[in-house]
Amino acid sequence: RIIDFDAKRFVLHQEMIDDRDGAL
């Protein structure tokens, strides 16, 4: 997801989930 941006840049944040147990 996009968590911040301005006219020339943006910040993406990502969470990787292990689907075996739904843990981060």
mmCIF file of all heavy atoms, coordinates in Angstrom:
data_MODEL
# 
_entry.id   MODEL 
# 
loop_
_atom_site.group_PDB 
_atom_site.id 
_atom_site.type_symbol 
_atom_site.label_atom_id 
_atom_site.label_alt_id 
_atom_site.label_comp_id 
_atom_site.label_asym_id 
_atom_site.label_entity_id 
_atom_site.label_seq_id 
_atom_site.pdbx_PDB_ins_code 
_atom_site.Cartn_x 
_atom_site.Cartn_y 
_atom_site.Cartn_z 
_atom_site.occupancy 
_atom_site.B_iso_or_equiv 
_atom_site.pdbx_formal_charge 
_atom_site.auth_seq_id 
_atom_site.auth_comp_id 
_atom_site.auth_asym_id 
_atom_site.auth_atom_id 
_atom_site.pdbx_PDB_model_num 
ATOM 1   N N   . ARG A 1 1  ? 0.831  -1.200  0.000  1.00 0.00 ? 1  ARG A N   1 
ATOM 2   C CA  . ARG A 1 1  ? 0.000  0.000   0.000  1.00 0.00 ? 1  ARG A CA  1 
ATOM 3   C C   . ARG A 1 1  ? 0.868  1.254   0.000  1.00 0.00 ? 1  ARG A C   1 
ATOM 4   O O   . ARG A 1 1  ? 2.020  1.219   0.404  1.00 0.00 ? 1  ARG A O   1 
ATOM 5   C CB  . ARG A 1 1  ? -0.975 -0.005  1.165  1.00 0.00 ? 1  ARG A CB  1 
ATOM 6   C CG  . ARG A 1 1  ? -0.344 0.048   2.516  1.00 0.00 ? 1  ARG A CG  1 
ATOM 7   C CD  . ARG A 1 1  ? -1.366 -0.214  3.603  1.00 0.00 ? 1  ARG A CD  1 
ATOM 8   N NE  . ARG A 1 1  ? -1.262 0.803   4.628  1.00 0.00 ? 1  ARG A NE  1 
ATOM 9   C CZ  . ARG A 1 1  ? -1.913 0.783   5.767  1.00 0.00 ? 1  ARG A CZ  1 
ATOM 10  N NH1 . ARG A 1 1  ? -2.763 -0.182  6.032  1.00 0.00 ? 1  ARG A NH1 1 
ATOM 11  N NH2 . ARG A 1 1  ? -1.759 1.736   6.648  1.00 0.00 ? 1  ARG A NH2 1 
ATOM 12  N N   . ILE A 1 2  ? 0.280  2.333   -0.490 1.00 0.00 ? 2  ILE A N   1 
ATOM 13  C CA  . ILE A 1 2  ? 0.933  3.643   -0.502 1.00 0.00 ? 2  ILE A CA  1 
ATOM 14  C C   . ILE A 1 2  ? 0.671  4.285   0.861  1.00 0.00 ? 2  ILE A C   1 
ATOM 15  O O   . ILE A 1 2  ? -0.485 4.388   1.275  1.00 0.00 ? 2  ILE A O   1 
ATOM 16  C CB  . ILE A 1 2  ? 0.345  4.555   -1.603 1.00 0.00 ? 2  ILE A CB  1 
ATOM 17  C CG1 . ILE A 1 2  ? 0.381  3.887   -2.965 1.00 0.00 ? 2  ILE A CG1 1 
ATOM 18  C CG2 . ILE A 1 2  ? 1.049  5.915   -1.605 1.00 0.00 ? 2  ILE A CG2 1 
ATOM 19  C CD1 . ILE A 1 2  ? 1.738  3.596   -3.498 1.00 0.00 ? 2  ILE A CD1 1 
ATOM 20  N N   . ILE A 1 3  ? 1.741  4.699   1.539  1.00 0.00 ? 3  ILE A N   1 
ATOM 21  C CA  . ILE A 1 3  ? 1.522  5.331   2.843  1.00 0.00 ? 3  ILE A CA  1 
ATOM 22  C C   . ILE A 1 3  ? 1.864  6.814   2.857  1.00 0.00 ? 3  ILE A C   1 
ATOM 23  O O   . ILE A 1 3  ? 1.500  7.521   3.792  1.00 0.00 ? 3  ILE A O   1 
ATOM 24  C CB  . ILE A 1 3  ? 2.264  4.602   3.983  1.00 0.00 ? 3  ILE A CB  1 
ATOM 25  C CG1 . ILE A 1 3  ? 3.764  4.590   3.769  1.00 0.00 ? 3  ILE A CG1 1 
ATOM 26  C CG2 . ILE A 1 3  ? 1.710  3.199   4.158  1.00 0.00 ? 3  ILE A CG2 1 
ATOM 27  C CD1 . ILE A 1 3  ? 4.553  4.116   4.992  1.00 0.00 ? 3  ILE A CD1 1 
ATOM 28  N N   . ASP A 1 4  ? 2.564  7.281   1.811  1.00 0.00 ? 4  ASP A N   1 
ATOM 29  C CA  . ASP A 1 4  ? 2.886  8.703   1.735  1.00 0.00 ? 4  ASP A CA  1 
ATOM 30  C C   . ASP A 1 4  ? 3.279  9.016   0.303  1.00 0.00 ? 4  ASP A C   1 
ATOM 31  O O   . ASP A 1 4  ? 3.724  8.135   -0.437 1.00 0.00 ? 4  ASP A O   1 
ATOM 32  C CB  . ASP A 1 4  ? 4.029  9.034   2.695  1.00 0.00 ? 4  ASP A CB  1 
ATOM 33  C CG  . ASP A 1 4  ? 4.098  10.509  3.069  1.00 0.00 ? 4  ASP A CG  1 
ATOM 34  O OD1 . ASP A 1 4  ? 3.203  11.287  2.656  1.00 0.00 ? 4  ASP A OD1 1 
ATOM 35  O OD2 . ASP A 1 4  ? 5.046  10.889  3.775  1.00 0.00 ? 4  ASP A OD2 1 
ATOM 36  N N   . PHE A 1 5  ? 3.116  10.271  -0.089 1.00 0.00 ? 5  PHE A N   1 
ATOM 37  C CA  . PHE A 1 5  ? 3.540  10.691  -1.423 1.00 0.00 ? 5  PHE A CA  1 
ATOM 38  C C   . PHE A 1 5  ? 3.611  12.201  -1.469 1.00 0.00 ? 5  PHE A C   1 
ATOM 39  O O   . PHE A 1 5  ? 3.046  12.902  -0.636 1.00 0.00 ? 5  PHE A O   1 
ATOM 40  C CB  . PHE A 1 5  ? 2.587  10.154  -2.504 1.00 0.00 ? 5  PHE A CB  1 
ATOM 41  C CG  . PHE A 1 5  ? 1.226  10.796  -2.498 1.00 0.00 ? 5  PHE A CG  1 
ATOM 42  C CD1 . PHE A 1 5  ? 0.928  11.810  -3.393 1.00 0.00 ? 5  PHE A CD1 1 
ATOM 43  C CD2 . PHE A 1 5  ? 0.260  10.393  -1.599 1.00 0.00 ? 5  PHE A CD2 1 
ATOM 44  C CE1 . PHE A 1 5  ? -0.324 12.413  -3.386 1.00 0.00 ? 5  PHE A CE1 1 
ATOM 45  C CE2 . PHE A 1 5  ? -0.989 10.977  -1.577 1.00 0.00 ? 5  PHE A CE2 1 
ATOM 46  C CZ  . PHE A 1 5  ? -1.283 12.004  -2.475 1.00 0.00 ? 5  PHE A CZ  1 
ATOM 47  N N   . ASP A 1 6  ? 4.361  12.697  -2.440 1.00 0.00 ? 6  ASP A N   1 
ATOM 48  C CA  . ASP A 1 6  ? 4.367  14.125  -2.750 1.00 0.00 ? 6  ASP A CA  1 
ATOM 49  C C   . ASP A 1 6  ? 4.434  14.245  -4.271 1.00 0.00 ? 6  ASP A C   1 
ATOM 50  O O   . ASP A 1 6  ? 4.192  13.264  -4.983 1.00 0.00 ? 6  ASP A O   1 
ATOM 51  C CB  . ASP A 1 6  ? 5.470  14.884  -2.010 1.00 0.00 ? 6  ASP A CB  1 
ATOM 52  C CG  . ASP A 1 6  ? 6.882  14.498  -2.396 1.00 0.00 ? 6  ASP A CG  1 
ATOM 53  O OD1 . ASP A 1 6  ? 7.082  13.865  -3.467 1.00 0.00 ? 6  ASP A OD1 1 
ATOM 54  O OD2 . ASP A 1 6  ? 7.810  14.840  -1.642 1.00 0.00 ? 6  ASP A OD2 1 
ATOM 55  N N   . ALA A 1 7  ? 4.765  15.393  -4.778 1.00 0.00 ? 7  ALA A N   1 
ATOM 56  C CA  . ALA A 1 7  ? 4.725  15.642  -6.220 1.00 0.00 ? 7  ALA A CA  1 
ATOM 57  C C   . ALA A 1 7  ? 5.705  14.788  -7.019 1.00 0.00 ? 7  ALA A C   1 
ATOM 58  O O   . ALA A 1 7  ? 5.485  14.540  -8.201 1.00 0.00 ? 7  ALA A O   1 
ATOM 59  C CB  . ALA A 1 7  ? 4.997  17.119  -6.493 1.00 0.00 ? 7  ALA A CB  1 
ATOM 60  N N   . LYS A 1 8  ? 6.774  14.283  -6.364 1.00 0.00 ? 8  LYS A N   1 
ATOM 61  C CA  . LYS A 1 8  ? 7.825  13.576  -7.089 1.00 0.00 ? 8  LYS A CA  1 
ATOM 62  C C   . LYS A 1 8  ? 8.175  12.202  -6.536 1.00 0.00 ? 8  LYS A C   1 
ATOM 63  O O   . LYS A 1 8  ? 8.970  11.483  -7.140 1.00 0.00 ? 8  LYS A O   1 
ATOM 64  C CB  . LYS A 1 8  ? 9.110  14.422  -7.080 1.00 0.00 ? 8  LYS A CB  1 
ATOM 65  C CG  . LYS A 1 8  ? 8.962  15.776  -7.733 1.00 0.00 ? 8  LYS A CG  1 
ATOM 66  C CD  . LYS A 1 8  ? 10.259 16.554  -7.616 1.00 0.00 ? 8  LYS A CD  1 
ATOM 67  C CE  . LYS A 1 8  ? 10.121 17.936  -8.221 1.00 0.00 ? 8  LYS A CE  1 
ATOM 68  N NZ  . LYS A 1 8  ? 11.402 18.668  -8.156 1.00 0.00 ? 8  LYS A NZ  1 
ATOM 69  N N   . ARG A 1 9  ? 7.616  11.839  -5.367 1.00 0.00 ? 9  ARG A N   1 
ATOM 70  C CA  . ARG A 1 9  ? 8.014  10.600  -4.693 1.00 0.00 ? 9  ARG A CA  1 
ATOM 71  C C   . ARG A 1 9  ? 6.808  9.947   -4.037 1.00 0.00 ? 9  ARG A C   1 
ATOM 72  O O   . ARG A 1 9  ? 5.824  10.612  -3.744 1.00 0.00 ? 9  ARG A O   1 
ATOM 73  C CB  . ARG A 1 9  ? 9.029  10.886  -3.586 1.00 0.00 ? 9  ARG A CB  1 
ATOM 74  C CG  . ARG A 1 9  ? 10.203 11.694  -3.985 1.00 0.00 ? 9  ARG A CG  1 
ATOM 75  C CD  . ARG A 1 9  ? 10.962 12.181  -2.784 1.00 0.00 ? 9  ARG A CD  1 
ATOM 76  N NE  . ARG A 1 9  ? 10.134 13.103  -2.003 1.00 0.00 ? 9  ARG A NE  1 
ATOM 77  C CZ  . ARG A 1 9  ? 10.496 13.675  -0.883 1.00 0.00 ? 9  ARG A CZ  1 
ATOM 78  N NH1 . ARG A 1 9  ? 11.665 13.445  -0.365 1.00 0.00 ? 9  ARG A NH1 1 
ATOM 79  N NH2 . ARG A 1 9  ? 9.689  14.506  -0.255 1.00 0.00 ? 9  ARG A NH2 1 
ATOM 80  N N   . PHE A 1 10 ? 6.939  8.651   -3.755 1.00 0.00 ? 10 PHE A N   1 
ATOM 81  C CA  . PHE A 1 10 ? 5.955  8.004   -2.900 1.00 0.00 ? 10 PHE A CA  1 
ATOM 82  C C   . PHE A 1 10 ? 6.618  6.902   -2.089 1.00 0.00 ? 10 PHE A C   1 
ATOM 83  O O   . PHE A 1 10 ? 7.698  6.423   -2.428 1.00 0.00 ? 10 PHE A O   1 
ATOM 84  C CB  . PHE A 1 10 ? 4.733  7.492   -3.677 1.00 0.00 ? 10 PHE A CB  1 
ATOM 85  C CG  . PHE A 1 10 ? 5.003  6.394   -4.669 1.00 0.00 ? 10 PHE A CG  1 
ATOM 86  C CD1 . PHE A 1 10 ? 4.878  5.059   -4.312 1.00 0.00 ? 10 PHE A CD1 1 
ATOM 87  C CD2 . PHE A 1 10 ? 5.333  6.702   -5.980 1.00 0.00 ? 10 PHE A CD2 1 
ATOM 88  C CE1 . PHE A 1 10 ? 5.091  4.050   -5.240 1.00 0.00 ? 10 PHE A CE1 1 
ATOM 89  C CE2 . PHE A 1 10 ? 5.547  5.705   -6.910 1.00 0.00 ? 10 PHE A CE2 1 
ATOM 90  C CZ  . PHE A 1 10 ? 5.424  4.377   -6.538 1.00 0.00 ? 10 PHE A CZ  1 
ATOM 91  N N   . VAL A 1 11 ? 5.962  6.555   -0.985 1.00 0.00 ? 11 VAL A N   1 
ATOM 92  C CA  . VAL A 1 11 ? 6.453  5.516   -0.091 1.00 0.00 ? 11 VAL A CA  1 
ATOM 93  C C   . VAL A 1 11 ? 5.473  4.350   -0.126 1.00 0.00 ? 11 VAL A C   1 
ATOM 94  O O   . VAL A 1 11 ? 4.276  4.528   0.098  1.00 0.00 ? 11 VAL A O   1 
ATOM 95  C CB  . VAL A 1 11 ? 6.590  6.027   1.360  1.00 0.00 ? 11 VAL A CB  1 
ATOM 96  C CG1 . VAL A 1 11 ? 7.091  4.922   2.280  1.00 0.00 ? 11 VAL A CG1 1 
ATOM 97  C CG2 . VAL A 1 11 ? 7.506  7.246   1.419  1.00 0.00 ? 11 VAL A CG2 1 
ATOM 98  N N   . LEU A 1 12 ? 6.015  3.174   -0.423 1.00 0.00 ? 12 LEU A N   1 
ATOM 99  C CA  . LEU A 1 12 ? 5.243  1.930   -0.365 1.00 0.00 ? 12 LEU A CA  1 
ATOM 100 C C   . LEU A 1 12 ? 5.565  1.222   0.939  1.00 0.00 ? 12 LEU A C   1 
ATOM 101 O O   . LEU A 1 12 ? 6.727  1.194   1.363  1.00 0.00 ? 12 LEU A O   1 
ATOM 102 C CB  . LEU A 1 12 ? 5.665  0.983   -1.488 1.00 0.00 ? 12 LEU A CB  1 
ATOM 103 C CG  . LEU A 1 12 ? 5.277  1.272   -2.914 1.00 0.00 ? 12 LEU A CG  1 
ATOM 104 C CD1 . LEU A 1 12 ? 5.984  0.291   -3.835 1.00 0.00 ? 12 LEU A CD1 1 
ATOM 105 C CD2 . LEU A 1 12 ? 3.790  1.147   -3.083 1.00 0.00 ? 12 LEU A CD2 1 
ATOM 106 N N   . HIS A 1 13 ? 4.567  0.627   1.550  1.00 0.00 ? 13 HIS A N   1 
ATOM 107 C CA  . HIS A 1 13 ? 4.787  -0.245  2.700  1.00 0.00 ? 13 HIS A CA  1 
ATOM 108 C C   . HIS A 1 13 ? 4.246  -1.607  2.330  1.00 0.00 ? 13 HIS A C   1 
ATOM 109 O O   . HIS A 1 13 ? 3.173  -1.718  1.730  1.00 0.00 ? 13 HIS A O   1 
ATOM 110 C CB  . HIS A 1 13 ? 4.067  0.277   3.948  1.00 0.00 ? 13 HIS A CB  1 
ATOM 111 C CG  . HIS A 1 13 ? 4.323  -0.573  5.140  1.00 0.00 ? 13 HIS A CG  1 
ATOM 112 N ND1 . HIS A 1 13 ? 3.565  -1.670  5.440  1.00 0.00 ? 13 HIS A ND1 1 
ATOM 113 C CD2 . HIS A 1 13 ? 5.269  -0.505  6.103  1.00 0.00 ? 13 HIS A CD2 1 
ATOM 114 C CE1 . HIS A 1 13 ? 4.017  -2.238  6.540  1.00 0.00 ? 13 HIS A CE1 1 
ATOM 115 N NE2 . HIS A 1 13 ? 5.061  -1.552  6.955  1.00 0.00 ? 13 HIS A NE2 1 
ATOM 116 N N   . GLN A 1 14 ? 4.997  -2.645  2.684  1.00 0.00 ? 14 GLN A N   1 
ATOM 117 C CA  . GLN A 1 14 ? 4.587  -4.006  2.361  1.00 0.00 ? 14 GLN A CA  1 
ATOM 118 C C   . GLN A 1 14 ? 4.661  -4.900  3.586  1.00 0.00 ? 14 GLN A C   1 
ATOM 119 O O   . GLN A 1 14 ? 5.570  -4.758  4.409  1.00 0.00 ? 14 GLN A O   1 
ATOM 120 C CB  . GLN A 1 14 ? 5.492  -4.587  1.269  1.00 0.00 ? 14 GLN A CB  1 
ATOM 121 C CG  . GLN A 1 14 ? 5.415  -3.811  -0.025 1.00 0.00 ? 14 GLN A CG  1 
ATOM 122 C CD  . GLN A 1 14 ? 6.393  -4.325  -1.050 1.00 0.00 ? 14 GLN A CD  1 
ATOM 123 O OE1 . GLN A 1 14 ? 7.601  -4.257  -0.849 1.00 0.00 ? 14 GLN A OE1 1 
ATOM 124 N NE2 . GLN A 1 14 ? 5.876  -4.845  -2.155 1.00 0.00 ? 14 GLN A NE2 1 
ATOM 125 N N   . GLU A 1 15 ? 3.691  -5.801  3.677  1.00 0.00 ? 15 GLU A N   1 
ATOM 126 C CA  . GLU A 1 15 ? 3.703  -6.836  4.702  1.00 0.00 ? 15 GLU A CA  1 
ATOM 127 C C   . GLU A 1 15 ? 3.722  -8.187  4.010  1.00 0.00 ? 15 GLU A C   1 
ATOM 128 O O   . GLU A 1 15 ? 2.872  -8.460  3.155  1.00 0.00 ? 15 GLU A O   1 
ATOM 129 C CB  . GLU A 1 15 ? 2.476  -6.736  5.610  1.00 0.00 ? 15 GLU A CB  1 
ATOM 130 C CG  . GLU A 1 15 ? 2.486  -5.519  6.493  1.00 0.00 ? 15 GLU A CG  1 
ATOM 131 C CD  . GLU A 1 15 ? 1.385  -5.525  7.534  1.00 0.00 ? 15 GLU A CD  1 
ATOM 132 O OE1 . GLU A 1 15 ? 0.510  -6.417  7.517  1.00 0.00 ? 15 GLU A OE1 1 
ATOM 133 O OE2 . GLU A 1 15 ? 1.414  -4.624  8.394  1.00 0.00 ? 15 GLU A OE2 1 
ATOM 134 N N   . MET A 1 16 ? 4.696  -9.021  4.373  1.00 0.00 ? 16 MET A N   1 
ATOM 135 C CA  . MET A 1 16 ? 4.790  -10.380 3.843  1.00 0.00 ? 16 MET A CA  1 
ATOM 136 C C   . MET A 1 16 ? 4.200  -11.329 4.886  1.00 0.00 ? 16 MET A C   1 
ATOM 137 O O   . MET A 1 16 ? 4.693  -11.387 6.022  1.00 0.00 ? 16 MET A O   1 
ATOM 138 C CB  . MET A 1 16 ? 6.248  -10.755 3.568  1.00 0.00 ? 16 MET A CB  1 
ATOM 139 C CG  . MET A 1 16 ? 6.429  -12.166 3.029  1.00 0.00 ? 16 MET A CG  1 
ATOM 140 S SD  . MET A 1 16 ? 8.180  -12.616 2.880  1.00 0.00 ? 16 MET A SD  1 
ATOM 141 C CE  . MET A 1 16 ? 8.699  -11.558 1.539  1.00 0.00 ? 16 MET A CE  1 
ATOM 142 N N   . ILE A 1 17 ? 3.159  -12.028 4.486  1.00 0.00 ? 17 ILE A N   1 
ATOM 143 C CA  . ILE A 1 17 ? 2.465  -12.957 5.378  1.00 0.00 ? 17 ILE A CA  1 
ATOM 144 C C   . ILE A 1 17 ? 2.800  -14.382 4.968  1.00 0.00 ? 17 ILE A C   1 
ATOM 145 O O   . ILE A 1 17 ? 2.735  -14.736 3.791  1.00 0.00 ? 17 ILE A O   1 
ATOM 146 C CB  . ILE A 1 17 ? 0.930  -12.737 5.296  1.00 0.00 ? 17 ILE A CB  1 
ATOM 147 C CG1 . ILE A 1 17 ? 0.560  -11.270 5.557  1.00 0.00 ? 17 ILE A CG1 1 
ATOM 148 C CG2 . ILE A 1 17 ? 0.196  -13.698 6.227  1.00 0.00 ? 17 ILE A CG2 1 
ATOM 149 C CD1 . ILE A 1 17 ? 0.946  -10.741 6.905  1.00 0.00 ? 17 ILE A CD1 1 
ATOM 150 N N   . ASP A 1 18 ? 3.128  -15.214 5.947  1.00 0.00 ? 18 ASP A N   1 
ATOM 151 C CA  . ASP A 1 18 ? 3.336  -16.642 5.719  1.00 0.00 ? 18 ASP A CA  1 
ATOM 152 C C   . ASP A 1 18 ? 1.960  -17.296 5.776  1.00 0.00 ? 18 ASP A C   1 
ATOM 153 O O   . ASP A 1 18 ? 1.309  -17.317 6.828  1.00 0.00 ? 18 ASP A O   1 
ATOM 154 C CB  . ASP A 1 18 ? 4.260  -17.203 6.801  1.00 0.00 ? 18 ASP A CB  1 
ATOM 155 C CG  . ASP A 1 18 ? 4.633  -18.649 6.578  1.00 0.00 ? 18 ASP A CG  1 
ATOM 156 O OD1 . ASP A 1 18 ? 3.892  -19.381 5.894  1.00 0.00 ? 18 ASP A OD1 1 
ATOM 157 O OD2 . ASP A 1 18 ? 5.684  -19.059 7.108  1.00 0.00 ? 18 ASP A OD2 1 
ATOM 158 N N   . ASP A 1 19 ? 1.493  -17.797 4.650  1.00 0.00 ? 19 ASP A N   1 
ATOM 159 C CA  . ASP A 1 19 ? 0.128  -18.323 4.563  1.00 0.00 ? 19 ASP A CA  1 
ATOM 160 C C   . ASP A 1 19 ? -0.085 -19.612 5.356  1.00 0.00 ? 19 ASP A C   1 
ATOM 161 O O   . ASP A 1 19 ? -1.230 -20.004 5.578  1.00 0.00 ? 19 ASP A O   1 
ATOM 162 C CB  . ASP A 1 19 ? -0.267 -18.531 3.098  1.00 0.00 ? 19 ASP A CB  1 
ATOM 163 C CG  . ASP A 1 19 ? -0.395 -17.230 2.337  1.00 0.00 ? 19 ASP A CG  1 
ATOM 164 O OD1 . ASP A 1 19 ? -0.656 -16.191 2.972  1.00 0.00 ? 19 ASP A OD1 1 
ATOM 165 O OD2 . ASP A 1 19 ? -0.230 -17.247 1.103  1.00 0.00 ? 19 ASP A OD2 1 
ATOM 166 N N   . ARG A 1 20 ? 0.994  -20.266 5.791  1.00 0.00 ? 20 ARG A N   1 
ATOM 167 C CA  . ARG A 1 20 ? 0.818  -21.475 6.610  1.00 0.00 ? 20 ARG A CA  1 
ATOM 168 C C   . ARG A 1 20 ? 0.012  -21.172 7.864  1.00 0.00 ? 20 ARG A C   1 
ATOM 169 O O   . ARG A 1 20 ? -0.827 -21.945 8.268  1.00 0.00 ? 20 ARG A O   1 
ATOM 170 C CB  . ARG A 1 20 ? 2.169  -22.048 7.052  1.00 0.00 ? 20 ARG A CB  1 
ATOM 171 C CG  . ARG A 1 20 ? 2.908  -22.819 6.021  1.00 0.00 ? 20 ARG A CG  1 
ATOM 172 C CD  . ARG A 1 20 ? 4.220  -23.320 6.577  1.00 0.00 ? 20 ARG A CD  1 
ATOM 173 N NE  . ARG A 1 20 ? 4.964  -22.183 7.131  1.00 0.00 ? 20 ARG A NE  1 
ATOM 174 C CZ  . ARG A 1 20 ? 5.835  -22.262 8.122  1.00 0.00 ? 20 ARG A CZ  1 
ATOM 175 N NH1 . ARG A 1 20 ? 6.102  -23.408 8.682  1.00 0.00 ? 20 ARG A NH1 1 
ATOM 176 N NH2 . ARG A 1 20 ? 6.469  -21.196 8.547  1.00 0.00 ? 20 ARG A NH2 1 
ATOM 177 N N   . ASP A 1 21 ? 0.305  -20.025 8.474  1.00 0.00 ? 21 ASP A N   1 
ATOM 178 C CA  . ASP A 1 21 ? -0.360 -19.697 9.736  1.00 0.00 ? 21 ASP A CA  1 
ATOM 179 C C   . ASP A 1 21 ? -0.841 -18.255 9.810  1.00 0.00 ? 21 ASP A C   1 
ATOM 180 O O   . ASP A 1 21 ? -1.338 -17.817 10.840 1.00 0.00 ? 21 ASP A O   1 
ATOM 181 C CB  . ASP A 1 21 ? 0.559  -20.004 10.917 1.00 0.00 ? 21 ASP A CB  1 
ATOM 182 C CG  . ASP A 1 21 ? 1.889  -19.274 10.840 1.00 0.00 ? 21 ASP A CG  1 
ATOM 183 O OD1 . ASP A 1 21 ? 2.051  -18.394 9.970  1.00 0.00 ? 21 ASP A OD1 1 
ATOM 184 O OD2 . ASP A 1 21 ? 2.770  -19.588 11.655 1.00 0.00 ? 21 ASP A OD2 1 
ATOM 185 N N   . GLY A 1 22 ? -0.677 -17.506 8.736  1.00 0.00 ? 22 GLY A N   1 
ATOM 186 C CA  . GLY A 1 22 ? -1.134 -16.114 8.709  1.00 0.00 ? 22 GLY A CA  1 
ATOM 187 C C   . GLY A 1 22 ? -0.255 -15.146 9.473  1.00 0.00 ? 22 GLY A C   1 
ATOM 188 O O   . GLY A 1 22 ? -0.634 -13.995 9.684  1.00 0.00 ? 22 GLY A O   1 
ATOM 189 N N   . ALA A 1 23 ? 0.935  -15.577 9.855  1.00 0.00 ? 23 ALA A N   1 
ATOM 190 C CA  . ALA A 1 23 ? 1.823  -14.729 10.654 1.00 0.00 ? 23 ALA A CA  1 
ATOM 191 C C   . ALA A 1 23 ? 2.642  -13.799 9.765  1.00 0.00 ? 23 ALA A C   1 
ATOM 192 O O   . ALA A 1 23 ? 2.979  -14.123 8.624  1.00 0.00 ? 23 ALA A O   1 
ATOM 193 C CB  . ALA A 1 23 ? 2.765  -15.597 11.488 1.00 0.00 ? 23 ALA A CB  1 
ATOM 194 N N   . LEU A 1 24 ? 2.968  -12.649 10.313 1.00 0.00 ? 24 LEU A N   1 
ATOM 195 C CA  . LEU A 1 24 ? 3.820  -11.686 9.627  1.00 0.00 ? 24 LEU A CA  1 
ATOM 196 C C   . LEU A 1 24 ? 5.244  -12.234 9.564  1.00 0.00 ? 24 LEU A C   1 
ATOM 197 O O   . LEU A 1 24 ? 5.828  -12.589 10.581 1.00 0.00 ? 24 LEU A O   1 
ATOM 198 C CB  . LEU A 1 24 ? 3.804  -10.348 10.374 1.00 0.00 ? 24 LEU A CB  1 
ATOM 199 C CG  . LEU A 1 24 ? 4.622  -9.227  9.757  1.00 0.00 ? 24 LEU A CG  1 
ATOM 200 C CD1 . LEU A 1 24 ? 4.023  -8.785  8.425  1.00 0.00 ? 24 LEU A CD1 1 
ATOM 201 C CD2 . LEU A 1 24 ? 4.701  -8.046  10.720 1.00 0.00 ? 24 LEU A CD2 1 
# 
